[in-house]
Amino acid sequence: MIIDRETFSDIAKHLESASEGLLRAATGVATLCPEMDPGEPASLRWLALIESMVSVNGEITALETVLRAVLEANREEVAAARAGAVRERSS
């Protein structure tokens, strides 16, 4: 087994919480954000903050993809072990 069910669930819960927290933060930033003026340095800082949040969200999405791959690898490993056990019993 590559990862046990409890550890997988813990990681998934933390990723979900991080994603939801980031969404709440981004929504809050958007409501606090003044009207954008591309020539204004303060506007550029707000935009940079929002872009950073989008970047973090991309990293969370990548981690979710890795976690799904680990789950699939677990399934394949368990299936291979079961197939091997069946072959051994039938020999």
N, C-alpha and C. Protein backbone atom coordinates (compact mmCIF):
# COMPACT_ATOMS: atom_id res chain seq x y z
N MET A 1 0.84 -1.18 0.00
CA MET A 1 0.00 0.00 0.00
C MET A 1 0.89 1.24 0.00
N ILE A 2 0.60 2.14 -0.89
CA ILE A 2 1.37 3.36 -1.04
C ILE A 2 0.99 4.37 0.05
N ILE A 3 -0.29 4.48 0.34
CA ILE A 3 -0.76 5.40 1.38
C ILE A 3 -1.99 4.76 2.03
N ASP A 4 -2.04 4.84 3.36
CA ASP A 4 -3.20 4.26 4.04
C ASP A 4 -4.40 5.20 3.93
N ARG A 5 -5.56 4.63 4.11
CA ARG A 5 -6.82 5.36 3.92
C ARG A 5 -6.93 6.58 4.86
N GLU A 6 -6.51 6.41 6.11
CA GLU A 6 -6.61 7.51 7.08
C GLU A 6 -5.72 8.68 6.69
N THR A 7 -4.48 8.39 6.29
CA THR A 7 -3.57 9.46 5.88
C THR A 7 -4.09 10.16 4.63
N PHE A 8 -4.58 9.38 3.68
CA PHE A 8 -5.15 9.95 2.46
C PHE A 8 -6.30 10.89 2.81
N SER A 9 -7.20 10.44 3.67
CA SER A 9 -8.35 11.27 4.05
C SER A 9 -7.91 12.55 4.75
N ASP A 10 -6.90 12.43 5.63
CA ASP A 10 -6.38 13.62 6.32
C ASP A 10 -5.82 14.63 5.32
N ILE A 11 -5.03 14.16 4.37
CA ILE A 11 -4.46 15.05 3.37
C ILE A 11 -5.57 15.70 2.53
N ALA A 12 -6.55 14.90 2.13
CA ALA A 12 -7.65 15.43 1.33
C ALA A 12 -8.43 16.50 2.09
N LYS A 13 -8.68 16.26 3.38
CA LYS A 13 -9.40 17.25 4.19
C LYS A 13 -8.61 18.55 4.31
N HIS A 14 -7.29 18.44 4.51
CA HIS A 14 -6.47 19.65 4.63
C HIS A 14 -6.42 20.42 3.31
N LEU A 15 -6.34 19.71 2.20
CA LEU A 15 -6.35 20.39 0.90
C LEU A 15 -7.68 21.10 0.67
N GLU A 16 -8.76 20.43 1.03
CA GLU A 16 -10.08 21.05 0.87
C GLU A 16 -10.19 22.30 1.74
N SER A 17 -9.75 22.21 2.98
CA SER A 17 -9.80 23.37 3.88
C SER A 17 -8.94 24.51 3.35
N ALA A 18 -7.75 24.18 2.84
CA ALA A 18 -6.87 25.21 2.30
C ALA A 18 -7.52 25.88 1.09
N SER A 19 -8.13 25.09 0.24
CA SER A 19 -8.77 25.63 -0.96
C SER A 19 -9.94 26.53 -0.58
N GLU A 20 -10.76 26.08 0.36
CA GLU A 20 -11.90 26.89 0.79
C GLU A 20 -11.44 28.18 1.47
N GLY A 21 -10.40 28.07 2.30
CA GLY A 21 -9.86 29.26 2.96
C GLY A 21 -9.32 30.27 1.97
N LEU A 22 -8.64 29.77 0.97
CA LEU A 22 -8.10 30.64 -0.07
C LEU A 22 -9.22 31.34 -0.84
N LEU A 23 -10.28 30.60 -1.12
CA LEU A 23 -11.42 31.19 -1.82
C LEU A 23 -12.05 32.30 -0.97
N ARG A 24 -12.22 32.03 0.33
CA ARG A 24 -12.78 33.06 1.22
C ARG A 24 -11.87 34.29 1.26
N ALA A 25 -10.56 34.04 1.34
CA ALA A 25 -9.60 35.16 1.39
C ALA A 25 -9.65 35.97 0.09
N ALA A 26 -9.66 35.28 -1.03
CA ALA A 26 -9.69 35.97 -2.33
C ALA A 26 -10.98 36.79 -2.48
N THR A 27 -12.08 36.22 -2.03
CA THR A 27 -13.35 36.95 -2.08
C THR A 27 -13.29 38.19 -1.21
N GLY A 28 -12.70 38.04 -0.02
CA GLY A 28 -12.55 39.19 0.87
C GLY A 28 -11.65 40.25 0.28
N VAL A 29 -10.55 39.84 -0.31
CA VAL A 29 -9.64 40.80 -0.94
C VAL A 29 -10.35 41.53 -2.07
N ALA A 30 -11.12 40.79 -2.86
CA ALA A 30 -11.82 41.42 -3.98
C ALA A 30 -12.82 42.47 -3.50
N THR A 31 -13.48 42.21 -2.36
CA THR A 31 -14.44 43.20 -1.86
C THR A 31 -13.74 44.41 -1.24
N LEU A 32 -12.52 44.21 -0.71
CA LEU A 32 -11.76 45.32 -0.12
C LEU A 32 -11.03 46.14 -1.18
N CYS A 33 -10.80 45.52 -2.30
CA CYS A 33 -10.00 46.12 -3.35
C CYS A 33 -10.66 47.39 -3.88
N PRO A 34 -9.91 48.46 -3.90
CA PRO A 34 -10.48 49.69 -4.47
C PRO A 34 -10.61 49.57 -5.99
N GLU A 35 -11.26 50.53 -6.58
CA GLU A 35 -11.36 50.52 -8.04
C GLU A 35 -9.96 50.53 -8.62
N MET A 36 -9.76 49.70 -9.60
CA MET A 36 -8.42 49.55 -10.18
C MET A 36 -8.09 50.70 -11.12
N ASP A 37 -6.92 51.23 -10.91
CA ASP A 37 -6.35 52.25 -11.80
C ASP A 37 -4.97 51.72 -12.18
N PRO A 38 -4.83 51.21 -13.41
CA PRO A 38 -3.57 50.57 -13.81
C PRO A 38 -2.32 51.42 -13.59
N GLY A 39 -2.45 52.74 -13.53
CA GLY A 39 -1.29 53.59 -13.33
C GLY A 39 -0.98 53.83 -11.86
N GLU A 40 -1.83 53.37 -10.98
CA GLU A 40 -1.69 53.62 -9.54
C GLU A 40 -0.92 52.48 -8.87
N PRO A 41 0.18 52.77 -8.16
CA PRO A 41 0.96 51.72 -7.49
C PRO A 41 0.15 50.87 -6.52
N ALA A 42 -0.79 51.48 -5.80
CA ALA A 42 -1.62 50.71 -4.87
C ALA A 42 -2.46 49.68 -5.63
N SER A 43 -2.97 50.05 -6.78
CA SER A 43 -3.75 49.11 -7.59
C SER A 43 -2.89 47.94 -8.04
N LEU A 44 -1.65 48.23 -8.37
CA LEU A 44 -0.74 47.15 -8.79
C LEU A 44 -0.46 46.19 -7.63
N ARG A 45 -0.39 46.72 -6.42
CA ARG A 45 -0.18 45.84 -5.26
C ARG A 45 -1.39 44.95 -5.02
N TRP A 46 -2.59 45.50 -5.18
CA TRP A 46 -3.80 44.69 -5.04
C TRP A 46 -3.81 43.59 -6.11
N LEU A 47 -3.50 43.96 -7.31
CA LEU A 47 -3.48 42.97 -8.39
C LEU A 47 -2.43 41.88 -8.13
N ALA A 48 -1.28 42.28 -7.62
CA ALA A 48 -0.23 41.31 -7.30
C ALA A 48 -0.69 40.36 -6.21
N LEU A 49 -1.42 40.88 -5.23
CA LEU A 49 -1.95 40.03 -4.16
C LEU A 49 -2.93 39.00 -4.72
N ILE A 50 -3.83 39.46 -5.55
CA ILE A 50 -4.81 38.55 -6.15
C ILE A 50 -4.11 37.52 -7.05
N GLU A 51 -3.12 37.94 -7.81
CA GLU A 51 -2.37 37.00 -8.65
C GLU A 51 -1.64 35.97 -7.80
N SER A 52 -1.13 36.38 -6.65
CA SER A 52 -0.48 35.44 -5.74
C SER A 52 -1.47 34.39 -5.25
N MET A 53 -2.67 34.83 -4.94
CA MET A 53 -3.69 33.89 -4.48
C MET A 53 -4.07 32.91 -5.59
N VAL A 54 -4.15 33.39 -6.79
CA VAL A 54 -4.44 32.52 -7.93
C VAL A 54 -3.31 31.50 -8.09
N SER A 55 -2.08 31.94 -7.90
CA SER A 55 -0.93 31.04 -7.99
C SER A 55 -0.98 29.96 -6.91
N VAL A 56 -1.31 30.35 -5.69
CA VAL A 56 -1.44 29.37 -4.60
C VAL A 56 -2.56 28.38 -4.93
N ASN A 57 -3.65 28.88 -5.47
CA ASN A 57 -4.74 27.98 -5.85
C ASN A 57 -4.27 26.97 -6.90
N GLY A 58 -3.42 27.41 -7.82
CA GLY A 58 -2.86 26.49 -8.82
C GLY A 58 -2.02 25.40 -8.16
N GLU A 59 -1.27 25.76 -7.13
CA GLU A 59 -0.47 24.77 -6.40
C GLU A 59 -1.36 23.78 -5.66
N ILE A 60 -2.45 24.26 -5.08
CA ILE A 60 -3.40 23.37 -4.40
C ILE A 60 -4.00 22.41 -5.41
N THR A 61 -4.35 22.91 -6.57
CA THR A 61 -4.90 22.05 -7.62
C THR A 61 -3.89 20.98 -8.04
N ALA A 62 -2.62 21.37 -8.15
CA ALA A 62 -1.58 20.40 -8.49
C ALA A 62 -1.46 19.33 -7.40
N LEU A 63 -1.54 19.73 -6.14
CA LEU A 63 -1.49 18.76 -5.05
C LEU A 63 -2.68 17.81 -5.10
N GLU A 64 -3.85 18.33 -5.44
CA GLU A 64 -5.03 17.47 -5.57
C GLU A 64 -4.82 16.44 -6.68
N THR A 65 -4.19 16.85 -7.77
CA THR A 65 -3.90 15.94 -8.88
C THR A 65 -2.93 14.85 -8.43
N VAL A 66 -1.91 15.24 -7.69
CA VAL A 66 -0.94 14.26 -7.17
C VAL A 66 -1.64 13.29 -6.23
N LEU A 67 -2.51 13.80 -5.38
CA LEU A 67 -3.22 12.94 -4.44
C LEU A 67 -4.12 11.95 -5.17
N ARG A 68 -4.77 12.39 -6.24
CA ARG A 68 -5.59 11.46 -7.04
C ARG A 68 -4.71 10.38 -7.68
N ALA A 69 -3.52 10.76 -8.13
CA ALA A 69 -2.59 9.78 -8.72
C ALA A 69 -2.14 8.76 -7.67
N VAL A 70 -1.90 9.22 -6.46
CA VAL A 70 -1.53 8.30 -5.37
C VAL A 70 -2.67 7.34 -5.09
N LEU A 71 -3.89 7.84 -5.07
CA LEU A 71 -5.06 6.98 -4.85
C LEU A 71 -5.16 5.93 -5.95
N GLU A 72 -4.97 6.35 -7.18
CA GLU A 72 -5.02 5.40 -8.30
C GLU A 72 -3.90 4.37 -8.20
N ALA A 73 -2.71 4.80 -7.81
CA ALA A 73 -1.60 3.86 -7.64
C ALA A 73 -1.91 2.87 -6.53
N ASN A 74 -2.55 3.33 -5.47
CA ASN A 74 -2.99 2.43 -4.40
C ASN A 74 -3.93 1.37 -4.94
N ARG A 75 -4.90 1.81 -5.72
CA ARG A 75 -5.88 0.88 -6.29
C ARG A 75 -5.19 -0.17 -7.17
N GLU A 76 -4.25 0.30 -8.00
CA GLU A 76 -3.53 -0.63 -8.87
C GLU A 76 -2.70 -1.61 -8.06
N GLU A 77 -2.05 -1.12 -7.00
CA GLU A 77 -1.23 -1.99 -6.17
C GLU A 77 -2.09 -3.03 -5.46
N VAL A 78 -3.22 -2.62 -4.94
CA VAL A 78 -4.13 -3.55 -4.26
C VAL A 78 -4.66 -4.58 -5.25
N ALA A 79 -5.03 -4.14 -6.44
CA ALA A 79 -5.54 -5.07 -7.46
C ALA A 79 -4.47 -6.08 -7.85
N ALA A 80 -3.23 -5.62 -8.01
CA ALA A 80 -2.13 -6.53 -8.36
C ALA A 80 -1.88 -7.53 -7.24
N ALA A 81 -1.94 -7.08 -6.00
CA ALA A 81 -1.74 -7.98 -4.86
C ALA A 81 -2.84 -9.02 -4.80
N ARG A 82 -4.07 -8.60 -5.05
CA ARG A 82 -5.20 -9.55 -5.05
C ARG A 82 -5.06 -10.57 -6.17
N ALA A 83 -4.67 -10.09 -7.35
CA ALA A 83 -4.49 -11.00 -8.48
C ALA A 83 -3.38 -12.01 -8.18
N GLY A 84 -2.30 -11.55 -7.55
CA GLY A 84 -1.21 -12.45 -7.18
C GLY A 84 -1.66 -13.48 -6.16
N ALA A 85 -2.47 -13.07 -5.21
CA ALA A 85 -2.98 -13.99 -4.19
C ALA A 85 -3.87 -15.04 -4.81
N VAL A 86 -4.71 -14.63 -5.76
CA VAL A 86 -5.60 -15.56 -6.44
C VAL A 86 -4.78 -16.58 -7.23
N ARG A 87 -3.73 -16.12 -7.91
CA ARG A 87 -2.88 -17.03 -8.69
C ARG A 87 -2.19 -18.04 -7.77
N GLU A 88 -1.73 -17.57 -6.61
CA GLU A 88 -1.05 -18.47 -5.68
C GLU A 88 -2.00 -19.52 -5.14
N ARG A 89 -3.23 -19.16 -4.87
CA ARG A 89 -4.22 -20.12 -4.36
C ARG A 89 -4.59 -21.16 -5.40
N SER A 90 -4.63 -20.73 -6.66
CA SER A 90 -5.03 -21.65 -7.72
C SER A 90 -3.88 -22.54 -8.20
N SER A 91 -2.68 -22.29 -7.73
CA SER A 91 -1.52 -23.10 -8.15
C SER A 91 -1.42 -24.37 -7.35
